[in-house]
Amino acid sequence: MAKKIFKIIGIIILLLLIGILYFFWSDANLKKYDVSIEKDKIPVFSQVEFPFTHIYDSKKSLPIAPSAVIDINNDGIEEVFMGGGLSQDDEIFAFRDGKFVPITSETNFPSKGNYTSSGVAVADFDDNGFLDLIIGREDGLHIYYNNNATFTHKAIETPINEKSSPAGITVGDINKDGHLDIFLSTYIKKELMTGQTKFEDNSYGSTSALLINDGNNNFSNQTVSAGLDYIHNTFMAILVDIDKDSHLDLVVAHDTGEVRTYKNNGNETFKRIENPLTNKFAYPMGIAAGDYNNDGLIDFMFSNTGSTLPRILAKGDIKDATKFNEKWILFRNDGDFKFTDVAEEAKIANYEFSWGAVFADMNNDGLQDLLVAENYVDLAPNKLFRLPSRMLIQKEDHTFVPTEKKSGVVNPNFGITPLVSDFNNDGYLDFIWTNINSPSLAFINQGGTNNFIKIVLPKNAKTIGAKIEIATPNKKLFEWLISGEGLASDQTNSIHFGLGTEKEVKTITITLIDGSKIFVENPEINTQIKINVTEDISKNFSEEID
């Protein structure tokens, strides 16, 4: 009888645990949000073939998988780079005849050897007009120079400490010398990990690095002199001008830590500026960057563990639980390096465990939407309960509504980041869920009646950090060309603006990081405009429209 009772009690406890887990994985915590949205605002997608399944070595590799959008031959149709696991080569794909096909052999892209690709960025490092790839692995950084769709390899001597393994990469001209510098986010090597909920141990973790280019794509570590030397695990960061002084500032997301925001002083040093997460704790991992509320200031969304894990477990070793924030974070930029966390106001605070995130206008209505990857490959409950990954469409009141089911883009795999581009060149953004240890999934937007305009910039030391402003008769829209948005990934250099029902663009103003401007007057809508930045650019210089 006693055994029977214990068995029944065990079954009850198991059912309770399953019920508790299901609650945290369900949408129950979102019931207080108004998720109503007009049907014509919901973008609809069709899935297309994408033949890449990432292979993850859980004992030796970080739980991230890099990916990037890159136009390798300057034909206006972008290809896709996917980083391989420890025993798996990287691959490059092209969208042809309605599906993605591998073209790695066409590009002479070499085998990487027995190292895990963990981060990637796209930029023209040698100024030959073609986009190159820089890839991080356990043995450091590697540049793959692009010469009209064929690649040659250069290993970079990567001066980082022995505990650190490369993760996300963001690039830009820190010191305005005309050469691309690197902020390399790092994470403690897998074999040195002793826990995933350590917040208050200041000696545990890796050290990210500021790497300054000598002009020949050799790099020196100037982290200490720049005021950026400290120990903490970091998946990614973004370089962008926050305060409109034409210097690239730095935003860093510390896993099991805080978000740090640094002002570039203009002399290869940075000053740490307080923000809503200063001296507090969270799990910020991915970063989405964009002007979600169309006020001309760049805002930042940070992923987090969200409602998936019970707070008592997620807070780990934090002694003062009031300093812990498990919710999604949205920094609204209020100007002068001041931010307000408006995630609750925007109705995104209470979602689940998330990874990479990207702002993009998926329905061409002039409002930036939010795509967020979910499911953690090393989290045991995810073996039973899978999160959908979120497509959050923005409404006119600047709140967000989940439409991933109605849009047909639910991702049951282990997501790392969305990867966004107009792959079929129809004026509506398509995207890929980059997944780890599972197949990646590609979706083509079925479009609509809204108008658009696209501006393609070269991605180099002159243009990374550029601000693009679109003026129509009724509104202004803003975007930035940045490096590293998402997580361990890099997005397109084709800057996409949905125009809604607007039928005219009066002016495009592009402000480069050196403060000079390019003006394009009365461009034709529903077209792609290619900007060719030259040495003799002036404040009243307008490039021709291709």
Protein backbone atom coordinates (compact mmCIF):
# COMPACT_ATOMS: atom_id res chain seq x y z
CA MET A 1 0.00 0.00 0.00
CA ALA A 2 2.82 2.42 0.94
CA LYS A 3 4.55 1.82 -2.41
CA LYS A 4 1.31 2.55 -4.22
CA ILE A 5 0.83 5.78 -2.29
CA PHE A 6 4.40 6.90 -3.01
CA LYS A 7 3.90 6.07 -6.68
CA ILE A 8 0.72 8.15 -6.81
CA ILE A 9 2.47 11.02 -5.01
CA GLY A 10 5.35 10.77 -7.48
CA ILE A 11 2.97 10.93 -10.43
CA ILE A 12 1.21 13.94 -8.93
CA ILE A 13 4.53 15.76 -8.37
CA LEU A 14 5.61 14.95 -11.93
CA LEU A 15 2.33 16.25 -13.33
CA LEU A 16 2.65 19.39 -11.25
CA LEU A 17 6.19 19.96 -12.53
CA ILE A 18 5.05 19.44 -16.11
CA GLY A 19 2.16 21.83 -15.50
CA ILE A 20 4.46 24.46 -14.04
CA LEU A 21 6.88 24.10 -16.95
CA TYR A 22 4.04 24.29 -19.46
CA PHE A 23 2.80 27.48 -17.82
CA PHE A 24 6.18 29.13 -18.23
CA TRP A 25 6.37 27.96 -21.86
CA SER A 26 2.83 28.98 -22.73
CA ASP A 27 1.31 32.35 -23.57
CA ALA A 28 -0.50 32.54 -20.23
CA ASN A 29 1.69 35.40 -19.04
CA LEU A 30 0.77 37.45 -22.13
CA LYS A 31 -2.99 37.46 -21.54
CA LYS A 32 -2.88 40.99 -20.13
CA TYR A 33 -1.58 42.32 -23.44
CA ASP A 34 -3.89 43.48 -26.18
CA VAL A 35 -2.79 41.29 -29.09
CA SER A 36 -5.50 42.36 -31.51
CA ILE A 37 -4.33 43.56 -34.90
CA GLU A 38 -5.91 44.29 -38.26
CA LYS A 39 -5.63 41.38 -40.66
CA ASP A 40 -4.05 43.47 -43.41
CA LYS A 41 -1.20 44.38 -41.04
CA ILE A 42 -0.12 40.75 -40.69
CA PRO A 43 2.60 39.76 -43.18
CA VAL A 44 2.25 36.24 -44.60
CA PHE A 45 5.18 34.05 -45.62
CA SER A 46 5.78 30.82 -47.46
CA GLN A 47 8.57 28.48 -46.41
CA VAL A 48 11.20 27.61 -48.99
CA GLU A 49 13.99 25.08 -49.07
CA PHE A 50 17.13 25.91 -47.10
CA PRO A 51 19.41 22.85 -46.96
CA PHE A 52 21.57 23.58 -43.93
CA THR A 53 21.50 21.76 -40.59
CA HIS A 54 23.96 23.02 -38.02
CA ILE A 55 25.92 20.39 -36.05
CA TYR A 56 26.65 21.36 -32.45
CA ASP A 57 29.26 19.84 -30.13
CA SER A 58 27.84 20.57 -26.70
CA LYS A 59 31.04 19.59 -24.89
CA LYS A 60 33.48 21.74 -26.84
CA SER A 61 31.60 24.63 -28.45
CA LEU A 62 29.70 27.74 -27.35
CA PRO A 63 25.91 27.46 -27.93
CA ILE A 64 25.87 29.94 -30.82
CA ALA A 65 25.91 29.60 -34.61
CA PRO A 66 26.97 32.50 -36.87
CA SER A 67 25.24 33.64 -40.05
CA ALA A 68 25.34 36.66 -42.32
CA VAL A 69 23.79 38.28 -45.38
CA ILE A 70 26.34 39.22 -48.05
CA ASP A 71 26.08 40.21 -51.71
CA ILE A 72 29.21 38.41 -52.92
CA ASN A 73 29.08 39.55 -56.57
CA ASN A 74 27.43 42.99 -56.34
CA ASP A 75 24.42 41.93 -58.41
CA GLY A 76 21.88 43.29 -55.90
CA ILE A 77 20.71 39.83 -54.79
CA GLU A 78 22.17 38.81 -51.47
CA GLU A 79 23.69 35.47 -50.56
CA VAL A 80 23.78 33.82 -47.13
CA PHE A 81 26.76 32.67 -45.07
CA MET A 82 26.18 29.94 -42.47
CA GLY A 83 28.90 29.05 -39.96
CA GLY A 84 29.56 25.39 -39.27
CA GLY A 85 30.01 23.48 -36.04
CA LEU A 86 33.26 21.93 -34.81
CA SER A 87 33.41 19.18 -37.43
CA GLN A 88 31.34 20.97 -40.09
CA ASP A 89 32.48 23.38 -42.77
CA ASP A 90 30.99 26.82 -43.30
CA GLU A 91 28.68 27.17 -46.30
CA ILE A 92 27.39 29.87 -48.65
CA PHE A 93 23.91 29.78 -50.22
CA ALA A 94 22.21 31.65 -53.06
CA PHE A 95 18.49 32.11 -53.69
CA ARG A 96 17.84 30.62 -57.13
CA ASP A 97 14.64 29.40 -58.77
CA GLY A 98 12.59 29.88 -55.62
CA LYS A 99 14.88 28.07 -53.18
CA PHE A 100 18.28 28.36 -51.52
CA VAL A 101 21.08 26.29 -53.00
CA PRO A 102 24.66 25.77 -51.76
CA ILE A 103 27.28 27.58 -53.83
CA THR A 104 30.32 27.22 -51.55
CA SER A 105 32.29 25.33 -54.20
CA GLU A 106 31.71 28.16 -56.69
CA THR A 107 33.41 30.66 -54.38
CA ASN A 108 36.65 28.79 -53.57
CA PHE A 109 35.75 29.18 -49.89
CA PRO A 110 38.27 26.95 -48.05
CA SER A 111 37.67 24.31 -45.39
CA LYS A 112 38.04 25.78 -41.93
CA GLY A 113 39.54 22.78 -40.14
CA ASN A 114 38.47 21.42 -36.76
CA TYR A 115 37.29 24.67 -35.18
CA THR A 116 33.80 25.99 -34.43
CA SER A 117 32.70 29.13 -36.25
CA SER A 118 31.22 31.32 -33.52
CA GLY A 119 30.77 34.84 -34.93
CA VAL A 120 30.81 36.69 -38.24
CA ALA A 121 30.74 40.21 -39.68
CA VAL A 122 30.58 41.51 -43.25
CA ALA A 123 32.53 44.53 -44.51
CA ASP A 124 34.88 45.63 -47.27
CA PHE A 125 38.21 45.43 -45.43
CA ASP A 126 40.46 45.94 -48.47
CA ASP A 127 38.36 48.63 -50.22
CA ASN A 128 38.12 46.75 -53.51
CA GLY A 129 34.36 47.21 -53.75
CA PHE A 130 33.44 43.68 -52.70
CA LEU A 131 32.20 42.60 -49.28
CA ASP A 132 34.54 40.42 -47.23
CA LEU A 133 33.81 38.09 -44.32
CA ILE A 134 35.50 38.14 -40.93
CA ILE A 135 34.84 35.01 -38.87
CA GLY A 136 35.67 34.16 -35.27
CA ARG A 137 36.66 30.67 -34.12
CA GLU A 138 38.45 29.15 -31.13
CA ASP A 139 41.80 29.90 -32.82
CA GLY A 140 40.99 33.57 -33.38
CA LEU A 141 39.80 35.75 -36.25
CA HIS A 142 39.95 35.04 -39.98
CA ILE A 143 39.36 37.43 -42.90
CA TYR A 144 38.11 36.01 -46.18
CA TYR A 145 38.82 38.59 -48.87
CA ASN A 146 36.26 38.71 -51.67
CA ASN A 147 37.41 39.27 -55.25
CA ASN A 148 34.20 39.20 -57.29
CA ALA A 149 32.64 36.16 -55.57
CA THR A 150 35.80 34.16 -54.88
CA PHE A 151 37.51 34.21 -51.50
CA THR A 152 41.07 34.11 -50.21
CA HIS A 153 41.89 33.56 -46.55
CA LYS A 154 44.00 35.51 -44.08
CA ALA A 155 44.37 34.45 -40.45
CA ILE A 156 44.55 37.42 -38.08
CA GLU A 157 46.79 37.31 -35.07
CA THR A 158 44.08 37.83 -32.46
CA PRO A 159 45.49 39.29 -29.24
CA ILE A 160 42.99 38.12 -26.60
CA ASN A 161 43.62 36.40 -23.28
CA GLU A 162 43.81 32.66 -22.83
CA LYS A 163 40.40 32.30 -21.14
CA SER A 164 38.46 33.99 -23.94
CA SER A 165 36.79 32.49 -27.00
CA PRO A 166 35.53 34.75 -29.83
CA ALA A 167 31.77 35.34 -30.05
CA GLY A 168 29.98 38.24 -31.76
CA ILE A 169 31.88 40.72 -33.96
CA THR A 170 31.04 44.37 -34.63
CA VAL A 171 33.25 46.56 -36.84
CA GLY A 172 33.63 50.27 -37.55
CA ASP A 173 36.17 53.05 -37.80
CA ILE A 174 36.69 53.87 -34.12
CA ASN A 175 39.39 56.52 -34.61
CA LYS A 176 38.40 57.89 -38.05
CA ASP A 177 41.67 56.91 -39.71
CA GLY A 178 39.90 55.33 -42.67
CA HIS A 179 40.36 51.72 -41.53
CA LEU A 180 37.94 49.25 -39.94
CA ASP A 181 38.49 48.43 -36.28
CA ILE A 182 36.89 45.58 -34.34
CA PHE A 183 35.13 45.16 -31.03
CA LEU A 184 35.30 41.42 -30.39
CA SER A 185 32.85 40.07 -27.83
CA THR A 186 34.17 36.98 -26.08
CA TYR A 187 32.87 34.22 -23.83
CA ILE A 188 34.78 32.00 -21.45
CA LYS A 189 36.01 28.85 -23.17
CA LYS A 190 33.60 25.93 -22.92
CA GLU A 191 36.05 23.75 -21.00
CA LEU A 192 36.45 26.47 -18.35
CA MET A 193 32.72 26.97 -17.71
CA THR A 194 31.60 26.19 -14.16
CA GLY A 195 28.03 27.52 -14.26
CA GLN A 196 25.53 29.60 -16.20
CA THR A 197 23.96 31.62 -13.38
CA LYS A 198 27.05 33.32 -11.93
CA PHE A 199 26.38 37.04 -11.62
CA GLU A 200 28.39 38.32 -8.65
CA ASP A 201 31.70 36.53 -9.16
CA ASN A 202 33.78 39.29 -10.73
CA SER A 203 36.64 36.90 -11.49
CA TYR A 204 34.56 34.53 -13.63
CA GLY A 205 34.36 35.07 -17.35
CA SER A 206 36.28 36.30 -20.35
CA THR A 207 37.52 39.70 -21.51
CA SER A 208 36.20 41.25 -24.72
CA ALA A 209 38.66 43.18 -26.85
CA LEU A 210 38.94 46.45 -28.78
CA LEU A 211 41.20 45.69 -31.75
CA ILE A 212 42.60 48.69 -33.65
CA ASN A 213 43.59 48.34 -37.31
CA ASP A 214 47.11 49.43 -38.30
CA GLY A 215 45.98 50.12 -41.87
CA ASN A 216 46.99 46.71 -43.23
CA ASN A 217 44.31 44.67 -41.45
CA ASN A 218 46.65 43.75 -38.64
CA PHE A 219 45.20 44.52 -35.23
CA SER A 220 46.51 45.53 -31.81
CA ASN A 221 44.63 45.09 -28.57
CA GLN A 222 43.91 48.51 -27.10
CA THR A 223 41.22 47.41 -24.65
CA VAL A 224 43.05 48.62 -21.55
CA SER A 225 44.02 52.05 -22.88
CA ALA A 226 40.46 52.53 -24.21
CA GLY A 227 38.98 51.99 -20.73
CA LEU A 228 37.16 48.79 -21.72
CA ASP A 229 39.16 46.19 -19.78
CA TYR A 230 37.05 44.09 -17.42
CA ILE A 231 36.01 40.45 -16.95
CA HIS A 232 32.59 39.38 -18.14
CA ASN A 233 31.04 36.92 -20.58
CA THR A 234 29.61 38.70 -23.62
CA PHE A 235 27.84 37.36 -26.69
CA MET A 236 27.67 40.58 -28.69
CA ALA A 237 28.00 44.35 -28.93
CA ILE A 238 27.18 47.08 -31.45
CA LEU A 239 29.15 50.13 -32.59
CA VAL A 240 26.92 53.07 -33.56
CA ASP A 241 26.76 56.83 -33.02
CA ILE A 242 24.28 57.26 -30.16
CA ASP A 243 24.66 60.97 -29.42
CA LYS A 244 25.05 62.45 -32.93
CA ASP A 245 28.65 63.59 -32.45
CA SER A 246 29.90 61.55 -35.45
CA HIS A 247 31.86 59.08 -33.30
CA LEU A 248 30.99 55.39 -33.02
CA ASP A 249 29.81 54.65 -29.48
CA LEU A 250 29.55 51.16 -28.00
CA VAL A 251 26.67 49.10 -26.59
CA VAL A 252 27.61 45.81 -24.92
CA ALA A 253 25.25 43.06 -23.72
CA HIS A 254 26.71 41.04 -20.84
CA ASP A 255 25.20 37.62 -20.33
CA THR A 256 24.59 37.19 -16.57
CA GLY A 257 25.30 40.87 -16.15
CA GLU A 258 24.28 44.31 -17.28
CA VAL A 259 24.00 46.30 -20.46
CA ARG A 260 26.88 48.74 -20.76
CA THR A 261 26.74 51.89 -22.87
CA TYR A 262 29.99 53.70 -23.69
CA LYS A 263 30.54 57.12 -25.23
CA ASN A 264 33.41 57.39 -27.70
CA ASN A 265 35.54 60.32 -26.52
CA GLY A 266 37.10 60.75 -29.95
CA ASN A 267 40.62 59.85 -28.82
CA GLU A 268 40.46 56.04 -28.79
CA THR A 269 39.03 56.05 -25.28
CA PHE A 270 35.49 55.44 -24.06
CA LYS A 271 33.48 56.76 -21.13
CA ARG A 272 30.92 54.53 -19.47
CA ILE A 273 27.48 56.17 -19.27
CA GLU A 274 24.78 54.97 -16.91
CA ASN A 275 21.60 53.39 -18.30
CA PRO A 276 18.54 51.65 -16.79
CA LEU A 277 20.48 48.38 -16.34
CA THR A 278 23.64 49.85 -14.80
CA ASN A 279 24.67 47.96 -11.64
CA LYS A 280 21.78 45.55 -12.13
CA PHE A 281 21.61 42.01 -13.45
CA ALA A 282 19.99 40.25 -16.38
CA TYR A 283 20.78 37.86 -19.22
CA PRO A 284 21.04 40.29 -22.16
CA MET A 285 22.31 38.23 -25.10
CA GLY A 286 21.02 39.48 -28.47
CA ILE A 287 20.63 43.12 -29.52
CA ALA A 288 18.18 44.66 -31.99
CA ALA A 289 19.03 48.23 -33.00
CA GLY A 290 16.74 50.67 -34.79
CA ASP A 291 14.43 53.65 -34.43
CA TYR A 292 11.23 51.83 -33.44
CA ASN A 293 9.30 55.04 -32.66
CA ASN A 294 10.52 57.18 -35.60
CA ASP A 295 11.95 60.04 -33.55
CA GLY A 296 15.39 60.09 -35.19
CA LEU A 297 17.19 58.43 -32.27
CA ILE A 298 18.47 54.86 -32.28
CA ASP A 299 16.83 52.50 -29.77
CA PHE A 300 17.93 49.07 -28.53
CA MET A 301 16.07 45.89 -27.63
CA PHE A 302 17.90 43.25 -25.54
CA SER A 303 16.85 39.61 -25.31
CA ASN A 304 16.64 37.92 -21.92
CA THR A 305 15.52 34.70 -20.22
CA GLY A 306 12.04 36.17 -19.87
CA SER A 307 9.19 34.20 -18.34
CA THR A 308 10.57 30.78 -19.30
CA LEU A 309 12.55 30.12 -16.12
CA PRO A 310 11.12 30.61 -12.62
CA ARG A 311 12.62 33.79 -11.22
CA ILE A 312 13.98 32.03 -8.12
CA LEU A 313 16.09 29.78 -10.35
CA ALA A 314 17.07 32.36 -12.94
CA LYS A 315 18.51 34.84 -10.45
CA GLY A 316 21.34 32.45 -9.58
CA ASP A 317 23.79 33.83 -7.01
CA ILE A 318 22.31 37.34 -6.87
CA LYS A 319 21.95 38.33 -3.22
CA ASP A 320 19.65 41.30 -3.72
CA ALA A 321 16.83 39.99 -5.96
CA THR A 322 15.53 43.53 -6.56
CA LYS A 323 18.54 44.07 -8.82
CA PHE A 324 17.54 41.21 -11.12
CA ASN A 325 15.56 41.77 -14.32
CA GLU A 326 14.53 38.64 -16.22
CA LYS A 327 12.22 40.45 -18.67
CA TRP A 328 12.86 41.59 -22.22
CA ILE A 329 14.41 45.06 -22.29
CA LEU A 330 13.69 47.96 -24.68
CA PHE A 331 15.86 51.05 -24.29
CA ARG A 332 14.07 54.05 -25.77
CA ASN A 333 16.67 56.65 -26.64
CA ASP A 334 15.66 59.98 -25.09
CA GLY A 335 18.71 61.86 -26.39
CA ASP A 336 21.96 62.96 -24.70
CA PHE A 337 22.82 59.33 -23.93
CA LYS A 338 19.72 58.91 -21.76
CA PHE A 339 17.57 55.80 -22.06
CA THR A 340 14.27 54.60 -20.61
CA ASP A 341 13.30 50.93 -20.48
CA VAL A 342 9.85 50.92 -22.14
CA ALA A 343 9.50 47.16 -22.72
CA GLU A 344 6.33 46.99 -20.63
CA GLU A 345 4.86 50.04 -22.34
CA ALA A 346 5.61 48.49 -25.74
CA LYS A 347 4.08 45.18 -24.57
CA ILE A 348 7.12 43.01 -25.09
CA ALA A 349 8.46 42.65 -21.52
CA ASN A 350 6.81 39.35 -20.61
CA TYR A 351 7.89 37.07 -23.44
CA GLU A 352 10.11 34.03 -23.14
CA PHE A 353 13.76 32.91 -23.24
CA SER A 354 15.19 34.67 -26.28
CA TRP A 355 18.39 34.93 -28.31
CA GLY A 356 19.09 37.11 -31.34
CA ALA A 357 16.70 39.91 -32.30
CA VAL A 358 16.33 42.25 -35.28
CA PHE A 359 14.24 45.35 -35.99
CA ALA A 360 12.82 45.35 -39.55
CA ASP A 361 9.68 46.57 -41.30
CA MET A 362 8.13 43.27 -42.43
CA ASN A 363 4.83 44.69 -43.78
CA ASN A 364 6.16 47.95 -45.32
CA ASP A 365 3.91 50.17 -43.21
CA GLY A 366 6.72 52.46 -42.05
CA LEU A 367 6.98 50.95 -38.56
CA GLN A 368 9.81 48.67 -37.51
CA ASP A 369 8.72 45.23 -36.39
CA LEU A 370 10.68 42.89 -34.14
CA LEU A 371 11.86 39.34 -34.90
CA VAL A 372 13.22 37.34 -31.96
CA ALA A 373 14.77 33.84 -32.00
CA GLU A 374 13.96 31.42 -29.17
CA ASN A 375 14.75 27.95 -27.71
CA TYR A 376 18.01 27.17 -25.91
CA VAL A 377 19.82 24.09 -27.16
CA ASP A 378 21.36 23.38 -23.72
CA LEU A 379 18.20 23.92 -21.66
CA ALA A 380 16.68 20.55 -20.76
CA PRO A 381 12.99 21.62 -20.68
CA ASN A 382 13.33 22.79 -24.28
CA LYS A 383 13.60 19.14 -25.24
CA LEU A 384 9.94 18.83 -24.25
CA PHE A 385 8.48 22.29 -24.79
CA ARG A 386 9.47 24.45 -27.75
CA LEU A 387 8.93 28.17 -27.97
CA PRO A 388 7.68 29.51 -31.32
CA SER A 389 10.27 32.29 -31.93
CA ARG A 390 8.46 35.59 -32.25
CA MET A 391 7.39 37.82 -35.09
CA LEU A 392 6.12 40.94 -33.34
CA ILE A 393 4.36 43.43 -35.60
CA GLN A 394 4.31 47.04 -34.45
CA LYS A 395 1.04 48.98 -34.30
CA GLU A 396 0.58 52.73 -34.69
CA ASP A 397 0.63 53.17 -30.89
CA HIS A 398 4.16 51.67 -30.81
CA THR A 399 3.08 48.44 -29.15
CA PHE A 400 3.89 45.01 -30.57
CA VAL A 401 1.66 42.03 -31.35
CA PRO A 402 2.80 38.41 -31.97
CA THR A 403 1.78 37.11 -35.42
CA GLU A 404 4.20 34.21 -35.96
CA LYS A 405 1.37 31.64 -36.22
CA LYS A 406 -0.80 33.68 -38.59
CA SER A 407 2.30 34.72 -40.53
CA GLY A 408 3.31 31.07 -40.92
CA VAL A 409 6.80 31.49 -39.48
CA VAL A 410 6.76 29.44 -36.25
CA ASN A 411 10.22 28.05 -35.57
CA PRO A 412 10.21 24.76 -33.60
CA ASN A 413 14.01 24.48 -33.72
CA PHE A 414 16.79 25.95 -31.58
CA GLY A 415 16.92 29.55 -32.80
CA ILE A 416 19.97 31.81 -32.67
CA THR A 417 18.97 34.83 -34.76
CA PRO A 418 16.73 36.09 -37.54
CA LEU A 419 18.57 36.98 -40.74
CA VAL A 420 16.65 39.52 -42.84
CA SER A 421 16.90 40.46 -46.54
CA ASP A 422 14.77 40.87 -49.66
CA PHE A 423 16.06 37.68 -51.26
CA ASN A 424 13.64 37.66 -54.21
CA ASN A 425 13.95 41.42 -54.76
CA ASP A 426 10.19 42.13 -54.73
CA GLY A 427 10.34 45.00 -52.23
CA TYR A 428 9.17 43.02 -49.20
CA LEU A 429 11.60 41.63 -46.62
CA ASP A 430 12.13 37.88 -46.35
CA PHE A 431 14.07 36.17 -43.57
CA ILE A 432 15.79 33.06 -42.21
CA TRP A 433 15.70 31.60 -38.73
CA THR A 434 19.35 30.67 -38.12
CA ASN A 435 19.20 27.60 -35.88
CA ILE A 436 21.79 25.63 -33.94
CA ASN A 437 21.95 21.82 -33.92
CA SER A 438 18.85 21.78 -36.12
CA PRO A 439 17.81 22.87 -39.61
CA SER A 440 17.65 26.57 -40.37
CA LEU A 441 14.34 27.74 -41.89
CA ALA A 442 13.79 30.25 -44.71
CA PHE A 443 10.61 32.23 -45.43
CA ILE A 444 9.64 34.38 -48.41
CA ASN A 445 7.29 37.31 -47.84
CA GLN A 446 4.09 37.12 -49.89
CA GLY A 447 4.03 40.91 -50.12
CA GLY A 448 1.19 43.41 -50.23
CA THR A 449 0.23 46.82 -51.60
CA ASN A 450 2.45 49.09 -49.51
CA ASN A 451 5.27 51.01 -51.15
CA PHE A 452 8.98 50.90 -50.31
CA ILE A 453 12.40 52.24 -51.16
CA LYS A 454 15.81 50.57 -50.65
CA ILE A 455 19.20 52.25 -50.33
CA VAL A 456 22.30 50.12 -50.85
CA LEU A 457 25.48 51.47 -49.28
CA PRO A 458 28.97 50.04 -49.50
CA LYS A 459 29.87 48.58 -46.11
CA ASN A 460 33.26 50.01 -45.25
CA ALA A 461 35.08 52.42 -42.94
CA LYS A 462 33.35 55.42 -44.53
CA THR A 463 29.80 54.11 -44.27
CA ILE A 464 29.44 51.82 -41.24
CA GLY A 465 27.55 53.91 -38.71
CA ALA A 466 25.90 56.05 -41.39
CA LYS A 467 22.43 57.42 -40.61
CA ILE A 468 19.84 57.36 -43.38
CA GLU A 469 16.82 59.68 -43.25
CA ILE A 470 13.82 59.43 -45.58
CA ALA A 471 11.48 62.42 -45.89
CA THR A 472 8.06 61.99 -47.48
CA PRO A 473 5.35 64.67 -47.62
CA ASN A 474 3.89 63.30 -44.37
CA LYS A 475 6.62 61.63 -42.32
CA LYS A 476 10.29 61.02 -41.68
CA LEU A 477 11.88 57.59 -41.27
CA PHE A 478 15.36 56.73 -39.99
CA GLU A 479 17.80 53.83 -40.18
CA TRP A 480 21.50 53.14 -39.56
CA LEU A 481 24.03 50.97 -41.34
CA ILE A 482 25.47 48.96 -38.47
CA SER A 483 27.50 45.81 -37.99
CA GLY A 484 26.51 42.86 -35.82
CA GLU A 485 22.76 43.21 -35.15
CA GLY A 486 21.10 39.96 -34.06
CA LEU A 487 23.47 37.53 -32.33
CA ALA A 488 26.81 36.26 -33.70
CA SER A 489 25.48 37.44 -37.07
CA ASP A 490 25.44 40.33 -39.53
CA GLN A 491 22.57 41.81 -41.48
CA THR A 492 22.18 43.35 -44.91
CA ASN A 493 23.74 46.59 -46.17
CA SER A 494 20.56 47.23 -48.18
CA ILE A 495 18.67 49.72 -46.02
CA HIS A 496 14.95 49.02 -46.42
CA PHE A 497 12.16 51.51 -45.76
CA GLY A 498 8.49 50.62 -45.91
CA LEU A 499 6.47 53.64 -47.03
CA GLY A 500 2.93 52.44 -46.43
CA THR A 501 0.60 54.35 -48.76
CA GLU A 502 3.06 57.21 -49.28
CA LYS A 503 3.55 57.77 -53.02
CA GLU A 504 6.50 60.11 -52.92
CA VAL A 505 9.90 60.47 -51.28
CA LYS A 506 11.12 64.07 -51.30
CA THR A 507 14.64 63.58 -49.96
CA ILE A 508 17.07 60.91 -48.83
CA THR A 509 19.77 62.26 -46.51
CA ILE A 510 22.71 60.03 -45.66
CA THR A 511 24.98 61.28 -42.86
CA LEU A 512 28.32 59.50 -42.89
CA ILE A 513 30.34 58.87 -39.77
CA ASP A 514 32.71 61.75 -40.65
CA GLY A 515 29.76 64.14 -40.64
CA SER A 516 29.57 64.60 -44.42
CA LYS A 517 26.22 64.15 -46.13
CA ILE A 518 24.79 62.72 -49.33
CA PHE A 519 21.47 64.07 -50.63
CA VAL A 520 19.22 62.33 -53.11
CA GLU A 521 16.30 64.47 -54.27
CA ASN A 522 12.95 63.06 -55.44
CA PRO A 523 14.01 59.43 -55.91
CA GLU A 524 11.62 57.03 -57.57
CA ILE A 525 9.78 54.84 -55.05
CA ASN A 526 9.57 51.05 -55.25
CA THR A 527 13.16 50.96 -56.47
CA GLN A 528 16.60 50.15 -55.14
CA ILE A 529 19.06 53.04 -55.05
CA LYS A 530 22.76 52.24 -55.01
CA ILE A 531 24.98 54.87 -53.43
CA ASN A 532 28.62 55.04 -54.55
CA VAL A 533 30.54 56.91 -51.86
CA THR A 534 33.65 58.57 -53.31
CA GLU A 535 36.66 60.44 -52.01
CA ASP A 536 35.37 63.84 -53.17
CA ILE A 537 32.05 63.61 -51.29
CA SER A 538 30.87 66.98 -50.02
CA LYS A 539 28.00 68.24 -47.93
CA ASN A 540 25.92 68.96 -50.99
CA PHE A 541 26.86 65.94 -53.06
CA SER A 542 24.16 63.73 -54.55
CA GLU A 543 25.13 60.36 -56.03
CA GLU A 544 23.50 59.06 -59.15
CA ILE A 545 20.64 56.59 -58.86
CA ASP A 546 21.22 53.19 -60.42
